[in-house]
Amino acid sequence: MSAKKNLPQEMDRCQVRCIHVDRVERARQTAALPEEVGKMAGIFGAIADPTRLKMLLALQNEPMCVCDLAAFLEISESAASHQLRRLKDRSLVKARREGQILYYSLDDNHVRHLLETGLAHARE
């Protein structure tokens, strides 16, 4: 008789079914509200797009207008504007007008911290 092979699904599971009720209860007590989870999923979904992520990383340095971001990313201004709208809808960027120029920047330090942490983790 041959030895049973460890299937990938079996490697990700406990060998014995045992529910730790105290841990489950603590997780329930500290869980984020459903609307908070939804908002977080939207934020991470917006950041998950490579073009939008590159925009956010570029905006860490200084505010940029749509024309600047389009040139940096080598995409059309229309495409850059569309991506910026998605980021603004998620409160990841904000806009400031100076005359005829609309400059975009990171919305706040939470966004900056999220990007810095993500990049540090990717570089490990």
PDB file of N, CA and C in Angstrom:
ATOM      1  N   MET A   1       0.830  -1.165   0.000  1.00  0.00           N
ATOM      2  CA  MET A   1       0.000   0.000   0.000  1.00  0.00           C
ATOM      3  C   MET A   1       0.888   1.246   0.000  1.00  0.00           C
ATOM      4  N   SER A   2       0.540   2.229  -0.844  1.00  0.00           N
ATOM      5  CA  SER A   2       1.355   3.447  -0.916  1.00  0.00           C
ATOM      6  C   SER A   2       0.921   4.442   0.153  1.00  0.00           C
ATOM      7  N   ALA A   3       1.875   5.284   0.566  1.00  0.00           N
ATOM      8  CA  ALA A   3       1.570   6.306   1.571  1.00  0.00           C
ATOM      9  C   ALA A   3       0.691   7.373   0.932  1.00  0.00           C
ATOM     10  N   LYS A   4      -0.228   7.875   1.740  1.00  0.00           N
ATOM     11  CA  LYS A   4      -1.124   8.914   1.253  1.00  0.00           C
ATOM     12  C   LYS A   4      -0.337  10.209   1.066  1.00  0.00           C
ATOM     13  N   LYS A   5      -0.478  10.847  -0.114  1.00  0.00           N
ATOM     14  CA  LYS A   5       0.208  12.098  -0.398  1.00  0.00           C
ATOM     15  C   LYS A   5      -0.535  13.250   0.267  1.00  0.00           C
ATOM     16  N   ASN A   6       0.231  14.245   0.735  1.00  0.00           N
ATOM     17  CA  ASN A   6      -0.391  15.457   1.267  1.00  0.00           C
ATOM     18  C   ASN A   6      -0.867  16.299   0.101  1.00  0.00           C
ATOM     19  N   LEU A   7      -2.165  16.444  -0.005  1.00  0.00           N
ATOM     20  CA  LEU A   7      -2.729  17.303  -1.030  1.00  0.00           C
ATOM     21  C   LEU A   7      -2.623  18.752  -0.555  1.00  0.00           C
ATOM     22  N   PRO A   8      -2.547  19.689  -1.486  1.00  0.00           N
ATOM     23  CA  PRO A   8      -2.431  21.096  -1.075  1.00  0.00           C
ATOM     24  C   PRO A   8      -3.526  21.534  -0.100  1.00  0.00           C
ATOM     25  N   GLN A   9      -4.764  21.032  -0.275  1.00  0.00           N
ATOM     26  CA  GLN A   9      -5.841  21.419   0.630  1.00  0.00           C
ATOM     27  C   GLN A   9      -5.567  20.911   2.043  1.00  0.00           C
ATOM     28  N   GLU A  10      -4.989  19.758   2.177  1.00  0.00           N
ATOM     29  CA  GLU A  10      -4.738  19.175   3.490  1.00  0.00           C
ATOM     30  C   GLU A  10      -3.619  19.917   4.226  1.00  0.00           C
ATOM     31  N   MET A  11      -2.724  20.527   3.514  1.00  0.00           N
ATOM     32  CA  MET A  11      -1.609  21.233   4.138  1.00  0.00           C
ATOM     33  C   MET A  11      -2.077  22.538   4.781  1.00  0.00           C
ATOM     34  N   ASP A  12      -3.225  23.054   4.352  1.00  0.00           N
ATOM     35  CA  ASP A  12      -3.736  24.318   4.873  1.00  0.00           C
ATOM     36  C   ASP A  12      -4.760  24.126   5.981  1.00  0.00           C
ATOM     37  N   ARG A  13      -4.906  22.935   6.486  1.00  0.00           N
ATOM     38  CA  ARG A  13      -5.919  22.652   7.493  1.00  0.00           C
ATOM     39  C   ARG A  13      -5.303  22.003   8.729  1.00  0.00           C
ATOM     40  N   CYS A  14      -6.035  22.108   9.828  1.00  0.00           N
ATOM     41  CA  CYS A  14      -5.630  21.388  11.042  1.00  0.00           C
ATOM     42  C   CYS A  14      -5.785  19.894  10.786  1.00  0.00           C
ATOM     43  N   GLN A  15      -5.038  19.104  11.499  1.00  0.00           N
ATOM     44  CA  GLN A  15      -5.176  17.663  11.367  1.00  0.00           C
ATOM     45  C   GLN A  15      -6.326  17.138  12.218  1.00  0.00           C
ATOM     46  N   VAL A  16      -6.788  17.957  13.164  1.00  0.00           N
ATOM     47  CA  VAL A  16      -7.903  17.605  14.045  1.00  0.00           C
ATOM     48  C   VAL A  16      -8.857  18.794  14.070  1.00  0.00           C
ATOM     49  N   ARG A  17     -10.152  18.513  13.987  1.00  0.00           N
ATOM     50  CA  ARG A  17     -11.135  19.601  14.048  1.00  0.00           C
ATOM     51  C   ARG A  17     -11.368  19.975  15.508  1.00  0.00           C
ATOM     52  N   CYS A  18     -11.010  21.219  15.848  1.00  0.00           N
ATOM     53  CA  CYS A  18     -11.132  21.691  17.223  1.00  0.00           C
ATOM     54  C   CYS A  18     -11.403  23.188  17.176  1.00  0.00           C
ATOM     55  N   ILE A  19     -12.582  23.611  17.609  1.00  0.00           N
ATOM     56  CA  ILE A  19     -12.920  25.030  17.606  1.00  0.00           C
ATOM     57  C   ILE A  19     -12.568  25.624  18.956  1.00  0.00           C
ATOM     58  N   HIS A  20     -11.748  26.667  18.943  1.00  0.00           N
ATOM     59  CA  HIS A  20     -11.359  27.377  20.155  1.00  0.00           C
ATOM     60  C   HIS A  20     -12.385  28.490  20.370  1.00  0.00           C
ATOM     61  N   VAL A  21     -13.395  28.211  21.140  1.00  0.00           N
ATOM     62  CA  VAL A  21     -14.529  29.104  21.321  1.00  0.00           C
ATOM     63  C   VAL A  21     -14.092  30.480  21.826  1.00  0.00           C
ATOM     64  N   ASP A  22     -13.142  30.533  22.735  1.00  0.00           N
ATOM     65  CA  ASP A  22     -12.687  31.817  23.269  1.00  0.00           C
ATOM     66  C   ASP A  22     -12.055  32.685  22.180  1.00  0.00           C
ATOM     67  N   ARG A  23     -11.310  32.086  21.275  1.00  0.00           N
ATOM     68  CA  ARG A  23     -10.678  32.837  20.190  1.00  0.00           C
ATOM     69  C   ARG A  23     -11.720  33.325  19.187  1.00  0.00           C
ATOM     70  N   VAL A  24     -12.679  32.471  18.905  1.00  0.00           N
ATOM     71  CA  VAL A  24     -13.756  32.854  17.995  1.00  0.00           C
ATOM     72  C   VAL A  24     -14.538  34.034  18.582  1.00  0.00           C
ATOM     73  N   GLU A  25     -14.842  33.971  19.864  1.00  0.00           N
ATOM     74  CA  GLU A  25     -15.589  35.040  20.521  1.00  0.00           C
ATOM     75  C   GLU A  25     -14.798  36.349  20.526  1.00  0.00           C
ATOM     76  N   ARG A  26     -13.498  36.288  20.802  1.00  0.00           N
ATOM     77  CA  ARG A  26     -12.676  37.506  20.777  1.00  0.00           C
ATOM     78  C   ARG A  26     -12.641  38.101  19.370  1.00  0.00           C
ATOM     79  N   ALA A  27     -12.551  37.252  18.380  1.00  0.00           N
ATOM     80  CA  ALA A  27     -12.545  37.730  16.991  1.00  0.00           C
ATOM     81  C   ALA A  27     -13.868  38.410  16.653  1.00  0.00           C
ATOM     82  N   ARG A  28     -14.973  37.849  17.121  1.00  0.00           N
ATOM     83  CA  ARG A  28     -16.286  38.466  16.886  1.00  0.00           C
ATOM     84  C   ARG A  28     -16.401  39.808  17.592  1.00  0.00           C
ATOM     85  N   GLN A  29     -15.875  39.909  18.799  1.00  0.00           N
ATOM     86  CA  GLN A  29     -15.981  41.145  19.577  1.00  0.00           C
ATOM     87  C   GLN A  29     -15.158  42.285  18.977  1.00  0.00           C
ATOM     88  N   THR A  30     -14.076  41.950  18.327  1.00  0.00           N
ATOM     89  CA  THR A  30     -13.195  42.984  17.781  1.00  0.00           C
ATOM     90  C   THR A  30     -13.336  43.158  16.265  1.00  0.00           C
ATOM     91  N   ALA A  31     -14.251  42.419  15.663  1.00  0.00           N
ATOM     92  CA  ALA A  31     -14.419  42.470  14.208  1.00  0.00           C
ATOM     93  C   ALA A  31     -14.904  43.850  13.763  1.00  0.00           C
ATOM     94  N   ALA A  32     -14.462  44.260  12.598  1.00  0.00           N
ATOM     95  CA  ALA A  32     -14.921  45.522  12.004  1.00  0.00           C
ATOM     96  C   ALA A  32     -16.379  45.368  11.593  1.00  0.00           C
ATOM     97  N   LEU A  33     -17.081  46.483  11.579  1.00  0.00           N
ATOM     98  CA  LEU A  33     -18.474  46.488  11.148  1.00  0.00           C
ATOM     99  C   LEU A  33     -18.546  46.170   9.657  1.00  0.00           C
ATOM    100  N   PRO A  34     -19.651  45.582   9.205  1.00  0.00           N
ATOM    101  CA  PRO A  34     -19.765  45.235   7.778  1.00  0.00           C
ATOM    102  C   PRO A  34     -19.520  46.419   6.842  1.00  0.00           C
ATOM    103  N   GLU A  35     -20.014  47.610   7.213  1.00  0.00           N
ATOM    104  CA  GLU A  35     -19.786  48.772   6.339  1.00  0.00           C
ATOM    105  C   GLU A  35     -18.316  49.175   6.327  1.00  0.00           C
ATOM    106  N   GLU A  36     -17.609  48.963   7.439  1.00  0.00           N
ATOM    107  CA  GLU A  36     -16.171  49.243   7.474  1.00  0.00           C
ATOM    108  C   GLU A  36     -15.412  48.250   6.604  1.00  0.00           C
ATOM    109  N   VAL A  37     -15.808  46.989   6.654  1.00  0.00           N
ATOM    110  CA  VAL A  37     -15.174  45.958   5.823  1.00  0.00           C
ATOM    111  C   VAL A  37     -15.392  46.285   4.345  1.00  0.00           C
ATOM    112  N   GLY A  38     -16.612  46.713   4.008  1.00  0.00           N
ATOM    113  CA  GLY A  38     -16.907  47.082   2.626  1.00  0.00           C
ATOM    114  C   GLY A  38     -16.063  48.257   2.154  1.00  0.00           C
ATOM    115  N   LYS A  39     -15.911  49.255   3.011  1.00  0.00           N
ATOM    116  CA  LYS A  39     -15.102  50.419   2.650  1.00  0.00           C
ATOM    117  C   LYS A  39     -13.636  50.028   2.482  1.00  0.00           C
ATOM    118  N   MET A  40     -13.139  49.188   3.397  1.00  0.00           N
ATOM    119  CA  MET A  40     -11.754  48.727   3.283  1.00  0.00           C
ATOM    120  C   MET A  40     -11.538  47.935   1.997  1.00  0.00           C
ATOM    121  N   ALA A  41     -12.497  47.069   1.666  1.00  0.00           N
ATOM    122  CA  ALA A  41     -12.382  46.276   0.438  1.00  0.00           C
ATOM    123  C   ALA A  41     -12.325  47.193  -0.779  1.00  0.00           C
ATOM    124  N   GLY A  42     -13.115  48.267  -0.756  1.00  0.00           N
ATOM    125  CA  GLY A  42     -13.078  49.233  -1.847  1.00  0.00           C
ATOM    126  C   GLY A  42     -11.743  49.935  -1.950  1.00  0.00           C
ATOM    127  N   ILE A  43     -11.178  50.289  -0.813  1.00  0.00           N
ATOM    128  CA  ILE A  43      -9.871  50.947  -0.791  1.00  0.00           C
ATOM    129  C   ILE A  43      -8.796  50.021  -1.349  1.00  0.00           C
ATOM    130  N   PHE A  44      -8.767  48.797  -0.836  1.00  0.00           N
ATOM    131  CA  PHE A  44      -7.747  47.855  -1.317  1.00  0.00           C
ATOM    132  C   PHE A  44      -7.982  47.473  -2.772  1.00  0.00           C
ATOM    133  N   GLY A  45      -9.240  47.433  -3.191  1.00  0.00           N
ATOM    134  CA  GLY A  45      -9.539  47.157  -4.604  1.00  0.00           C
ATOM    135  C   GLY A  45      -9.007  48.261  -5.502  1.00  0.00           C
ATOM    136  N   ALA A  46      -9.164  49.501  -5.052  1.00  0.00           N
ATOM    137  CA  ALA A  46      -8.653  50.633  -5.840  1.00  0.00           C
ATOM    138  C   ALA A  46      -7.140  50.604  -5.909  1.00  0.00           C
ATOM    139  N   ILE A  47      -6.506  50.275  -4.813  1.00  0.00           N
ATOM    140  CA  ILE A  47      -5.043  50.228  -4.760  1.00  0.00           C
ATOM    141  C   ILE A  47      -4.501  49.033  -5.535  1.00  0.00           C
ATOM    142  N   ALA A  48      -5.305  47.990  -5.692  1.00  0.00           N
ATOM    143  CA  ALA A  48      -4.839  46.763  -6.338  1.00  0.00           C
ATOM    144  C   ALA A  48      -4.562  46.947  -7.828  1.00  0.00           C
ATOM    145  N   ASP A  49      -5.135  47.955  -8.434  1.00  0.00           N
ATOM    146  CA  ASP A  49      -4.893  48.199  -9.855  1.00  0.00           C
ATOM    147  C   ASP A  49      -3.494  48.799 -10.041  1.00  0.00           C
ATOM    148  N   PRO A  50      -2.641  48.205 -10.880  1.00  0.00           N
ATOM    149  CA  PRO A  50      -1.260  48.685 -11.026  1.00  0.00           C
ATOM    150  C   PRO A  50      -1.159  50.155 -11.459  1.00  0.00           C
ATOM    151  N   THR A  51      -2.024  50.603 -12.355  1.00  0.00           N
ATOM    152  CA  THR A  51      -1.966  51.989 -12.799  1.00  0.00           C
ATOM    153  C   THR A  51      -2.291  52.937 -11.653  1.00  0.00           C
ATOM    154  N   ARG A  52      -3.346  52.631 -10.911  1.00  0.00           N
ATOM    155  CA  ARG A  52      -3.720  53.494  -9.787  1.00  0.00           C
ATOM    156  C   ARG A  52      -2.661  53.453  -8.695  1.00  0.00           C
ATOM    157  N   LEU A  53      -2.069  52.298  -8.473  1.00  0.00           N
ATOM    158  CA  LEU A  53      -1.013  52.195  -7.462  1.00  0.00           C
ATOM    159  C   LEU A  53       0.191  53.038  -7.858  1.00  0.00           C
ATOM    160  N   LYS A  54       0.571  53.003  -9.126  1.00  0.00           N
ATOM    161  CA  LYS A  54       1.689  53.831  -9.597  1.00  0.00           C
ATOM    162  C   LYS A  54       1.374  55.314  -9.419  1.00  0.00           C
ATOM    163  N   MET A  55       0.131  55.688  -9.664  1.00  0.00           N
ATOM    164  CA  MET A  55      -0.276  57.085  -9.455  1.00  0.00           C
ATOM    165  C   MET A  55      -0.092  57.481  -8.004  1.00  0.00           C
ATOM    166  N   LEU A  56      -0.584  56.651  -7.110  1.00  0.00           N
ATOM    167  CA  LEU A  56      -0.473  56.952  -5.681  1.00  0.00           C
ATOM    168  C   LEU A  56       0.975  57.054  -5.246  1.00  0.00           C
ATOM    169  N   LEU A  57       1.799  56.141  -5.727  1.00  0.00           N
ATOM    170  CA  LEU A  57       3.217  56.176  -5.362  1.00  0.00           C
ATOM    171  C   LEU A  57       3.890  57.445  -5.889  1.00  0.00           C
ATOM    172  N   ALA A  58       3.509  57.871  -7.095  1.00  0.00           N
ATOM    173  CA  ALA A  58       4.070  59.106  -7.651  1.00  0.00           C
ATOM    174  C   ALA A  58       3.626  60.316  -6.834  1.00  0.00           C
ATOM    175  N   LEU A  59       2.400  60.283  -6.337  1.00  0.00           N
ATOM    176  CA  LEU A  59       1.869  61.409  -5.570  1.00  0.00           C
ATOM    177  C   LEU A  59       2.449  61.480  -4.164  1.00  0.00           C
ATOM    178  N   GLN A  60       3.198  60.476  -3.751  1.00  0.00           N
ATOM    179  CA  GLN A  60       3.870  60.538  -2.452  1.00  0.00           C
ATOM    180  C   GLN A  60       4.902  61.664  -2.442  1.00  0.00           C
ATOM    181  N   ASN A  61       5.495  61.947  -3.576  1.00  0.00           N
ATOM    182  CA  ASN A  61       6.572  62.935  -3.661  1.00  0.00           C
ATOM    183  C   ASN A  61       6.059  64.365  -3.658  1.00  0.00           C
ATOM    184  N   GLU A  62       5.065  64.632  -4.484  1.00  0.00           N
ATOM    185  CA  GLU A  62       4.529  65.981  -4.597  1.00  0.00           C
ATOM    186  C   GLU A  62       3.232  65.939  -5.401  1.00  0.00           C
ATOM    187  N   PRO A  63       2.404  66.977  -5.275  1.00  0.00           N
ATOM    188  CA  PRO A  63       1.168  67.025  -6.075  1.00  0.00           C
ATOM    189  C   PRO A  63       1.495  67.049  -7.567  1.00  0.00           C
ATOM    190  N   MET A  64       0.617  66.459  -8.340  1.00  0.00           N
ATOM    191  CA  MET A  64       0.784  66.420  -9.797  1.00  0.00           C
ATOM    192  C   MET A  64      -0.578  66.645 -10.447  1.00  0.00           C
ATOM    193  N   CYS A  65      -0.563  67.224 -11.639  1.00  0.00           N
ATOM    194  CA  CYS A  65      -1.807  67.400 -12.376  1.00  0.00           C
ATOM    195  C   CYS A  65      -2.033  66.186 -13.282  1.00  0.00           C
ATOM    196  N   VAL A  66      -3.215  66.141 -13.896  1.00  0.00           N
ATOM    197  CA  VAL A  66      -3.567  65.024 -14.771  1.00  0.00           C
ATOM    198  C   VAL A  66      -2.548  64.884 -15.902  1.00  0.00           C
ATOM    199  N   CYS A  67      -2.143  66.008 -16.473  1.00  0.00           N
ATOM    200  CA  CYS A  67      -1.170  65.966 -17.581  1.00  0.00           C
ATOM    201  C   CYS A  67       0.146  65.332 -17.141  1.00  0.00           C
ATOM    202  N   ASP A  68       0.603  65.705 -15.933  1.00  0.00           N
ATOM    203  CA  ASP A  68       1.850  65.151 -15.397  1.00  0.00           C
ATOM    204  C   ASP A  68       1.736  63.645 -15.200  1.00  0.00           C
ATOM    205  N   LEU A  69       0.634  63.222 -14.578  1.00  0.00           N
ATOM    206  CA  LEU A  69       0.440  61.795 -14.299  1.00  0.00           C
ATOM    207  C   LEU A  69       0.303  60.992 -15.589  1.00  0.00           C
ATOM    208  N   ALA A  70      -0.395  61.547 -16.568  1.00  0.00           N
ATOM    209  CA  ALA A  70      -0.541  60.863 -17.861  1.00  0.00           C
ATOM    210  C   ALA A  70       0.819  60.687 -18.526  1.00  0.00           C
ATOM    211  N   ALA A  71       1.643  61.740 -18.495  1.00  0.00           N
ATOM    212  CA  ALA A  71       2.983  61.647 -19.084  1.00  0.00           C
ATOM    213  C   ALA A  71       3.836  60.636 -18.332  1.00  0.00           C
ATOM    214  N   PHE A  72       3.780  60.670 -17.007  1.00  0.00           N
ATOM    215  CA  PHE A  72       4.554  59.734 -16.182  1.00  0.00           C
ATOM    216  C   PHE A  72       4.169  58.284 -16.484  1.00  0.00           C
ATOM    217  N   LEU A  73       2.876  58.021 -16.584  1.00  0.00           N
ATOM    218  CA  LEU A  73       2.393  56.658 -16.790  1.00  0.00           C
ATOM    219  C   LEU A  73       2.316  56.255 -18.258  1.00  0.00           C
ATOM    220  N   GLU A  74       2.535  57.220 -19.140  1.00  0.00           N
ATOM    221  CA  GLU A  74       2.440  56.984 -20.588  1.00  0.00           C
ATOM    222  C   GLU A  74       1.059  56.468 -20.972  1.00  0.00           C
ATOM    223  N   ILE A  75       0.031  57.178 -20.467  1.00  0.00           N
ATOM    224  CA  ILE A  75      -1.362  56.880 -20.805  1.00  0.00           C
ATOM    225  C   ILE A  75      -2.017  58.193 -21.226  1.00  0.00           C
ATOM    226  N   SER A  76      -3.220  58.116 -21.776  1.00  0.00           N
ATOM    227  CA  SER A  76      -3.917  59.330 -22.182  1.00  0.00           C
ATOM    228  C   SER A  76      -4.373  60.118 -20.956  1.00  0.00           C
ATOM    229  N   GLU A  77      -4.577  61.410 -21.157  1.00  0.00           N
ATOM    230  CA  GLU A  77      -5.081  62.243 -20.067  1.00  0.00           C
ATOM    231  C   GLU A  77      -6.477  61.793 -19.647  1.00  0.00           C
ATOM    232  N   SER A  78      -7.251  61.334 -20.603  1.00  0.00           N
ATOM    233  CA  SER A  78      -8.592  60.827 -20.296  1.00  0.00           C
ATOM    234  C   SER A  78      -8.513  59.598 -19.390  1.00  0.00           C
ATOM    235  N   ALA A  79      -7.586  58.694 -19.691  1.00  0.00           N
ATOM    236  CA  ALA A  79      -7.418  57.489 -18.863  1.00  0.00           C
ATOM    237  C   ALA A  79      -6.917  57.857 -17.468  1.00  0.00           C
ATOM    238  N   ALA A  80      -5.998  58.814 -17.406  1.00  0.00           N
ATOM    239  CA  ALA A  80      -5.485  59.255 -16.101  1.00  0.00           C
ATOM    240  C   ALA A  80      -6.603  59.888 -15.283  1.00  0.00           C
ATOM    241  N   SER A  81      -7.404  60.702 -15.907  1.00  0.00           N
ATOM    242  CA  SER A  81      -8.521  61.359 -15.229  1.00  0.00           C
ATOM    243  C   SER A  81      -9.516  60.333 -14.693  1.00  0.00           C
ATOM    244  N   HIS A  82      -9.789  59.326 -15.493  1.00  0.00           N
ATOM    245  CA  HIS A  82     -10.712  58.252 -15.065  1.00  0.00           C
ATOM    246  C   HIS A  82     -10.171  57.536 -13.823  1.00  0.00           C
ATOM    247  N   GLN A  83      -8.888  57.216 -13.832  1.00  0.00           N
ATOM    248  CA  GLN A  83      -8.283  56.524 -12.684  1.00  0.00           C
ATOM    249  C   GLN A  83      -8.262  57.424 -11.451  1.00  0.00           C
ATOM    250  N   LEU A  84      -7.984  58.695 -11.637  1.00  0.00           N
ATOM    251  CA  LEU A  84      -7.985  59.634 -10.517  1.00  0.00           C
ATOM    252  C   LEU A  84      -9.381  59.762  -9.895  1.00  0.00           C
ATOM    253  N   ARG A  85     -10.396  59.729 -10.729  1.00  0.00           N
ATOM    254  CA  ARG A  85     -11.770  59.787 -10.225  1.00  0.00           C
ATOM    255  C   ARG A  85     -12.057  58.596  -9.308  1.00  0.00           C
ATOM    256  N   ARG A  86     -11.586  57.411  -9.714  1.00  0.00           N
ATOM    257  CA  ARG A  86     -11.762  56.215  -8.870  1.00  0.00           C
ATOM    258  C   ARG A  86     -11.043  56.385  -7.532  1.00  0.00           C
ATOM    259  N   LEU A  87      -9.846  56.942  -7.566  1.00  0.00           N
ATOM    260  CA  LEU A  87      -9.083  57.160  -6.331  1.00  0.00           C
ATOM    261  C   LEU A  87      -9.737  58.227  -5.454  1.00  0.00           C
ATOM    262  N   LYS A  88     -10.260  59.249  -6.074  1.00  0.00           N
ATOM    263  CA  LYS A  88     -10.916  60.314  -5.318  1.00  0.00           C
ATOM    264  C   LYS A  88     -12.201  59.797  -4.677  1.00  0.00           C
ATOM    265  N   ASP A  89     -12.943  58.955  -5.395  1.00  0.00           N
ATOM    266  CA  ASP A  89     -14.180  58.368  -4.862  1.00  0.00           C
ATOM    267  C   ASP A  89     -13.919  57.535  -3.607  1.00  0.00           C
ATOM    268  N   ARG A  90     -12.721  57.002  -3.486  1.00  0.00           N
ATOM    269  CA  ARG A  90     -12.335  56.184  -2.331  1.00  0.00           C
ATOM    270  C   ARG A  90     -11.576  56.994  -1.284  1.00  0.00           C
ATOM    271  N   SER A  91     -11.539  58.295  -1.443  1.00  0.00           N
ATOM    272  CA  SER A  91     -10.845  59.200  -0.515  1.00  0.00           C
ATOM    273  C   SER A  91      -9.354  58.887  -0.389  1.00  0.00           C
ATOM    274  N   LEU A  92      -8.761  58.483  -1.498  1.00  0.00           N
ATOM    275  CA  LEU A  92      -7.322  58.212  -1.517  1.00  0.00           C
ATOM    276  C   LEU A  92      -6.533  59.400  -2.035  1.00  0.00           C
ATOM    277  N   VAL A  93      -7.158  60.229  -2.870  1.00  0.00           N
ATOM    278  CA  VAL A  93      -6.527  61.452  -3.347  1.00  0.00           C
ATOM    279  C   VAL A  93      -7.504  62.613  -3.183  1.00  0.00           C
ATOM    280  N   LYS A  94      -6.951  63.807  -3.194  1.00  0.00           N
ATOM    281  CA  LYS A  94      -7.766  65.021  -3.160  1.00  0.00           C
ATOM    282  C   LYS A  94      -7.237  65.954  -4.233  1.00  0.00           C
ATOM    283  N   ALA A  95      -8.064  66.915  -4.624  1.00  0.00           N
ATOM    284  CA  ALA A  95      -7.693  67.839  -5.686  1.00  0.00           C
ATOM    285  C   ALA A  95      -7.675  69.263  -5.150  1.00  0.00           C
ATOM    286  N   ARG A  96      -6.761  70.066  -5.716  1.00  0.00           N
ATOM    287  CA  ARG A  96      -6.642  71.483  -5.365  1.00  0.00           C
ATOM    288  C   ARG A  96      -6.403  72.251  -6.653  1.00  0.00           C
ATOM    289  N   ARG A  97      -7.244  73.263  -6.882  1.00  0.00           N
ATOM    290  CA  ARG A  97      -7.122  74.051  -8.108  1.00  0.00           C
ATOM    291  C   ARG A  97      -6.244  75.274  -7.879  1.00  0.00           C
ATOM    292  N   GLU A  98      -5.321  75.492  -8.828  1.00  0.00           N
ATOM    293  CA  GLU A  98      -4.514  76.710  -8.876  1.00  0.00           C
ATOM    294  C   GLU A  98      -4.701  77.296 -10.262  1.00  0.00           C
ATOM    295  N   GLY A  99      -5.582  78.281 -10.358  1.00  0.00           N
ATOM    296  CA  GLY A  99      -5.897  78.840 -11.674  1.00  0.00           C
ATOM    297  C   GLY A  99      -6.583  77.792 -12.526  1.00  0.00           C
ATOM    298  N   GLN A 100      -5.978  77.509 -13.668  1.00  0.00           N
ATOM    299  CA  GLN A 100      -6.552  76.520 -14.581  1.00  0.00           C
ATOM    300  C   GLN A 100      -6.008  75.114 -14.348  1.00  0.00           C
ATOM    301  N   ILE A 101      -5.094  74.962 -13.426  1.00  0.00           N
ATOM    302  CA  ILE A 101      -4.463  73.669 -13.166  1.00  0.00           C
ATOM    303  C   ILE A 101      -5.093  73.026 -11.932  1.00  0.00           C
ATOM    304  N   LEU A 102      -5.428  71.750 -12.048  1.00  0.00           N
ATOM    305  CA  LEU A 102      -5.980  70.976 -10.938  1.00  0.00           C
ATOM    306  C   LEU A 102      -4.909  69.994 -10.484  1.00  0.00           C
ATOM    307  N   TYR A 103      -4.398  70.196  -9.281  1.00  0.00           N
ATOM    308  CA  TYR A 103      -3.343  69.345  -8.732  1.00  0.00           C
ATOM    309  C   TYR A 103      -3.951  68.271  -7.826  1.00  0.00           C
ATOM    310  N   TYR A 104      -3.442  67.069  -7.957  1.00  0.00           N
ATOM    311  CA  TYR A 104      -3.865  65.953  -7.108  1.00  0.00           C
ATOM    312  C   TYR A 104      -2.756  65.614  -6.130  1.00  0.00           C
ATOM    313  N   SER A 105      -3.163  65.226  -4.939  1.00  0.00           N
ATOM    314  CA  SER A 105      -2.215  64.785  -3.917  1.00  0.00           C
ATOM    315  C   SER A 105      -2.878  63.686  -3.103  1.00  0.00           C
ATOM    316  N   LEU A 106      -2.066  63.001  -2.297  1.00  0.00           N
ATOM    317  CA  LEU A 106      -2.630  61.981  -1.410  1.00  0.00           C
ATOM    318  C   LEU A 106      -3.609  62.653  -0.458  1.00  0.00           C
ATOM    319  N   ASP A 107      -4.693  61.974  -0.142  1.00  0.00           N
ATOM    320  CA  ASP A 107      -5.738  62.565   0.686  1.00  0.00           C
ATOM    321  C   ASP A 107      -5.260  62.898   2.096  1.00  0.00           C
ATOM    322  N   ASP A 108      -4.477  61.990   2.700  1.00  0.00           N
ATOM    323  CA  ASP A 108      -3.979  62.250   4.057  1.00  0.00           C
ATOM    324  C   ASP A 108      -2.822  61.318   4.378  1.00  0.00           C
ATOM    325  N   ASN A 109      -2.305  61.427   5.585  1.00  0.00           N
ATOM    326  CA  ASN A 109      -1.161  60.606   5.986  1.00  0.00           C
ATOM    327  C   ASN A 109      -1.503  59.130   6.132  1.00  0.00           C
ATOM    328  N   HIS A 110      -2.786  58.787   6.313  1.00  0.00           N
ATOM    329  CA  HIS A 110      -3.162  57.367   6.360  1.00  0.00           C
ATOM    330  C   HIS A 110      -2.834  56.687   5.033  1.00  0.00           C
ATOM    331  N   VAL A 111      -3.111  57.395   3.939  1.00  0.00           N
ATOM    332  CA  VAL A 111      -2.825  56.841   2.607  1.00  0.00           C
ATOM    333  C   VAL A 111      -1.312  56.695   2.436  1.00  0.00           C
ATOM    334  N   ARG A 112      -0.576  57.712   2.829  1.00  0.00           N
ATOM    335  CA  ARG A 112       0.887  57.662   2.746  1.00  0.00           C
ATOM    336  C   ARG A 112       1.437  56.478   3.548  1.00  0.00           C
ATOM    337  N   HIS A 113       0.930  56.308   4.759  1.00  0.00           N
ATOM    338  CA  HIS A 113       1.384  55.208   5.622  1.00  0.00           C
ATOM    339  C   HIS A 113       1.052  53.852   5.000  1.00  0.00           C
ATOM    340  N   LEU A 114      -0.134  53.727   4.429  1.00  0.00           N
ATOM    341  CA  LEU A 114      -0.540  52.479   3.779  1.00  0.00           C
ATOM    342  C   LEU A 114       0.409  52.136   2.634  1.00  0.00           C
ATOM    343  N   LEU A 115       0.763  53.141   1.834  1.00  0.00           N
ATOM    344  CA  LEU A 115       1.683  52.923   0.714  1.00  0.00           C
ATOM    345  C   LEU A 115       3.084  52.571   1.199  1.00  0.00           C
ATOM    346  N   GLU A 116       3.574  53.300   2.193  1.00  0.00           N
ATOM    347  CA  GLU A 116       4.912  53.031   2.726  1.00  0.00           C
ATOM    348  C   GLU A 116       4.994  51.629   3.316  1.00  0.00           C
ATOM    349  N   THR A 117       3.964  51.230   4.049  1.00  0.00           N
ATOM    350  CA  THR A 117       3.947  49.893   4.654  1.00  0.00           C
ATOM    351  C   THR A 117       3.889  48.816   3.575  1.00  0.00           C
ATOM    352  N   GLY A 118       3.048  49.027   2.578  1.00  0.00           N
ATOM    353  CA  GLY A 118       2.942  48.057   1.488  1.00  0.00           C
ATOM    354  C   GLY A 118       4.234  47.898   0.724  1.00  0.00           C
ATOM    355  N   LEU A 119       4.891  49.018   0.441  1.00  0.00           N
ATOM    356  CA  LEU A 119       6.153  48.968  -0.296  1.00  0.00           C
ATOM    357  C   LEU A 119       7.248  48.310   0.532  1.00  0.00           C
ATOM    358  N   ALA A 120       7.294  48.622   1.831  1.00  0.00           N
ATOM    359  CA  ALA A 120       8.285  47.980   2.697  1.00  0.00           C
ATOM    360  C   ALA A 120       8.063  46.474   2.738  1.00  0.00           C
ATOM    361  N   HIS A 121       6.821  46.061   2.802  1.00  0.00           N
ATOM    362  CA  HIS A 121       6.510  44.620   2.832  1.00  0.00           C
ATOM    363  C   HIS A 121       6.894  43.958   1.509  1.00  0.00           C
ATOM    364  N   ALA A 122       6.636  44.642   0.401  1.00  0.00           N
ATOM    365  CA  ALA A 122       6.984  44.089  -0.922  1.00  0.00           C
ATOM    366  C   ALA A 122       8.492  43.960  -1.088  1.00  0.00           C
ATOM    367  N   ARG A 123       9.247  44.825  -0.446  1.00  0.00           N
ATOM    368  CA  ARG A 123      10.709  44.807  -0.584  1.00  0.00           C
ATOM    369  C   ARG A 123      11.392  43.810   0.331  1.00  0.00           C
ATOM    370  N   GLU A 124      10.664  43.224   1.278  1.00  0.00           N
ATOM    371  CA  GLU A 124      11.276  42.243   2.209  1.00  0.00           C
ATOM    372  C   GLU A 124      11.557  40.941   1.507  1.00  0.00           C
TER     373      GLU A 124
END
